[in-house]
């Protein structure tokens, strides 16, 4: 069947059905790195993988400590309201967490022009590592 005669929407549906890989939302390319324990880790973007490489060098140089990847923080505990509604916990998963100069640093790698500075834990809100 020649799908070129179909609408764009129909073409996308057919290609998705036959296993054509969907392009990521931000058009980033995944990257892999070998971890110190020998396992292979896939990062969501080349930029995130490069930042990991930088942080590993800082860790080896003793400039930072306690490097963690994909650290989950609980921003609000889950609870049951007075009316009986279950409210799930509100969590946030950071790309990187580490300690530098006695301060806890939480980082998310962003692309484009939206490059916020690292978040210092406790600077604007109280966050607690989950689990």
Protein backbone atom coordinates (compact mmCIF):
# COMPACT_ATOMS: atom_id res chain seq x y z
CA UNK A 1 0.00 0.00 0.00
CA UNK A 2 1.28 3.46 -0.91
CA UNK A 3 0.74 5.61 2.19
CA UNK A 4 1.90 8.83 0.48
CA UNK A 5 -1.66 9.31 -0.83
CA UNK A 6 -3.03 9.39 2.74
CA UNK A 7 -3.29 12.45 4.98
CA UNK A 8 -0.34 13.36 7.22
CA UNK A 9 -2.29 12.27 10.27
CA UNK A 10 -3.02 8.87 8.77
CA UNK A 11 0.62 8.46 7.69
CA UNK A 12 1.80 9.21 11.26
CA UNK A 13 -0.63 6.66 12.68
CA UNK A 14 0.50 3.96 10.26
CA UNK A 15 4.19 4.63 10.86
CA UNK A 16 3.62 4.55 14.62
CA UNK A 17 1.80 1.22 14.30
CA UNK A 18 4.64 -0.40 12.36
CA UNK A 19 7.21 0.62 14.93
CA UNK A 20 8.72 3.80 13.55
CA UNK A 21 10.50 5.37 16.51
CA UNK A 22 8.83 8.54 17.69
CA UNK A 23 11.04 11.60 17.90
CA UNK A 24 11.48 12.96 21.42
CA UNK A 25 9.56 16.05 22.49
CA UNK A 26 12.69 18.23 22.66
CA UNK A 27 14.51 16.47 19.79
CA UNK A 28 17.32 15.43 22.09
CA UNK A 29 19.48 12.38 21.50
CA UNK A 30 20.01 9.85 24.25
CA UNK A 31 23.58 9.18 25.38
CA UNK A 32 25.14 6.29 27.28
CA UNK A 33 27.92 6.24 29.83
CA UNK A 34 29.64 3.44 31.72
CA UNK A 35 29.11 3.87 35.45
CA UNK A 36 31.87 3.17 38.02
CA UNK A 37 30.25 -0.20 38.86
CA UNK A 38 30.46 -1.23 35.19
CA UNK A 39 26.80 -0.88 34.26
CA UNK A 40 25.70 1.17 31.27
CA UNK A 41 23.39 4.12 31.98
CA UNK A 42 21.35 5.93 29.34
CA UNK A 43 20.91 9.67 29.84
CA UNK A 44 17.97 11.57 28.37
CA UNK A 45 20.24 13.92 26.41
CA UNK A 46 23.83 14.47 25.29
CA UNK A 47 23.89 17.58 27.47
CA UNK A 48 22.88 15.67 30.60
CA UNK A 49 25.58 13.04 29.88
CA UNK A 50 28.23 15.77 29.45
CA UNK A 51 27.17 17.34 32.76
CA UNK A 52 27.52 13.92 34.40
CA UNK A 53 31.08 13.70 32.99
CA UNK A 54 31.88 17.13 34.48
CA UNK A 55 30.45 16.20 37.88
CA UNK A 56 32.42 12.93 37.95
CA UNK A 57 35.63 14.89 37.36
CA UNK A 58 34.70 17.29 40.19
CA UNK A 59 33.94 14.30 42.42
CA UNK A 60 37.32 12.71 41.66
CA UNK A 61 39.06 16.04 42.30
CA UNK A 62 37.34 16.33 45.69
CA UNK A 63 35.48 19.52 44.77
CA UNK A 64 32.06 17.89 45.35
CA UNK A 65 30.85 14.84 47.27
CA UNK A 66 27.80 12.58 47.58
CA UNK A 67 26.92 12.67 43.86
CA UNK A 68 23.50 11.13 43.17
CA UNK A 69 21.60 10.72 39.91
CA UNK A 70 17.81 10.95 39.55
CA UNK A 71 17.33 11.77 43.25
CA UNK A 72 13.64 11.98 44.17
CA UNK A 73 12.48 14.64 46.62
CA UNK A 74 9.12 14.75 48.37
CA UNK A 75 7.75 18.28 48.17
CA UNK A 76 4.49 17.45 49.91
CA UNK A 77 3.52 14.27 51.73
CA UNK A 78 0.40 12.46 50.61
CA UNK A 79 -2.65 12.65 52.86
CA UNK A 80 -6.36 11.99 53.16
CA UNK A 81 -8.47 15.15 53.30
CA UNK A 82 -11.28 15.75 55.78
CA UNK A 83 -13.78 14.85 53.04
CA UNK A 84 -12.03 11.51 52.47
CA UNK A 85 -10.25 12.38 49.22
CA UNK A 86 -6.81 10.78 48.83
CA UNK A 87 -4.19 13.35 47.86
CA UNK A 88 -1.05 11.78 46.46
CA UNK A 89 2.40 12.90 47.50
CA UNK A 90 3.99 15.59 45.34
CA UNK A 91 7.50 14.56 44.30
CA UNK A 92 10.28 16.02 42.18
CA UNK A 93 13.06 14.05 40.50
CA UNK A 94 16.27 15.99 39.91
CA UNK A 95 18.91 15.01 37.36
CA UNK A 96 21.74 15.45 39.88
CA UNK A 97 22.19 15.99 43.61
CA UNK A 98 25.57 16.61 45.25
CA UNK A 99 27.24 18.40 48.14
CA UNK A 100 29.61 21.30 47.50
CA UNK A 101 31.17 23.38 50.26
CA UNK A 102 28.76 22.00 52.84
CA UNK A 103 25.69 22.92 50.76
CA UNK A 104 23.31 20.49 49.09
CA UNK A 105 22.97 21.28 45.38
CA UNK A 106 20.09 20.04 43.22
CA UNK A 107 20.53 20.32 39.44
CA UNK A 108 18.35 19.76 36.43
CA UNK A 109 19.92 19.93 32.99
CA UNK A 110 17.91 22.11 30.61
CA UNK A 111 18.47 22.85 26.97
CA UNK A 112 18.03 26.01 24.94
CA UNK A 113 17.85 29.43 26.53
CA UNK A 114 16.22 28.27 29.77
CA UNK A 115 19.25 27.60 31.92
CA UNK A 116 18.33 28.16 35.57
CA UNK A 117 21.11 28.09 38.16
CA UNK A 118 21.39 25.03 40.39
CA UNK A 119 18.90 24.99 43.24
CA UNK A 120 20.37 25.16 46.71
CA UNK A 121 18.34 22.84 48.90
CA UNK A 122 16.42 24.88 51.43
CA UNK A 123 17.01 28.20 49.69
CA UNK A 124 13.38 28.77 48.75
CA UNK A 125 11.54 25.76 50.12
CA UNK A 126 12.00 22.78 52.34
CA UNK A 127 12.61 19.56 50.44
CA UNK A 128 13.21 16.08 51.79
CA UNK A 129 14.87 13.22 49.91
CA UNK A 130 12.26 10.52 49.32
CA UNK A 131 12.90 6.94 50.31
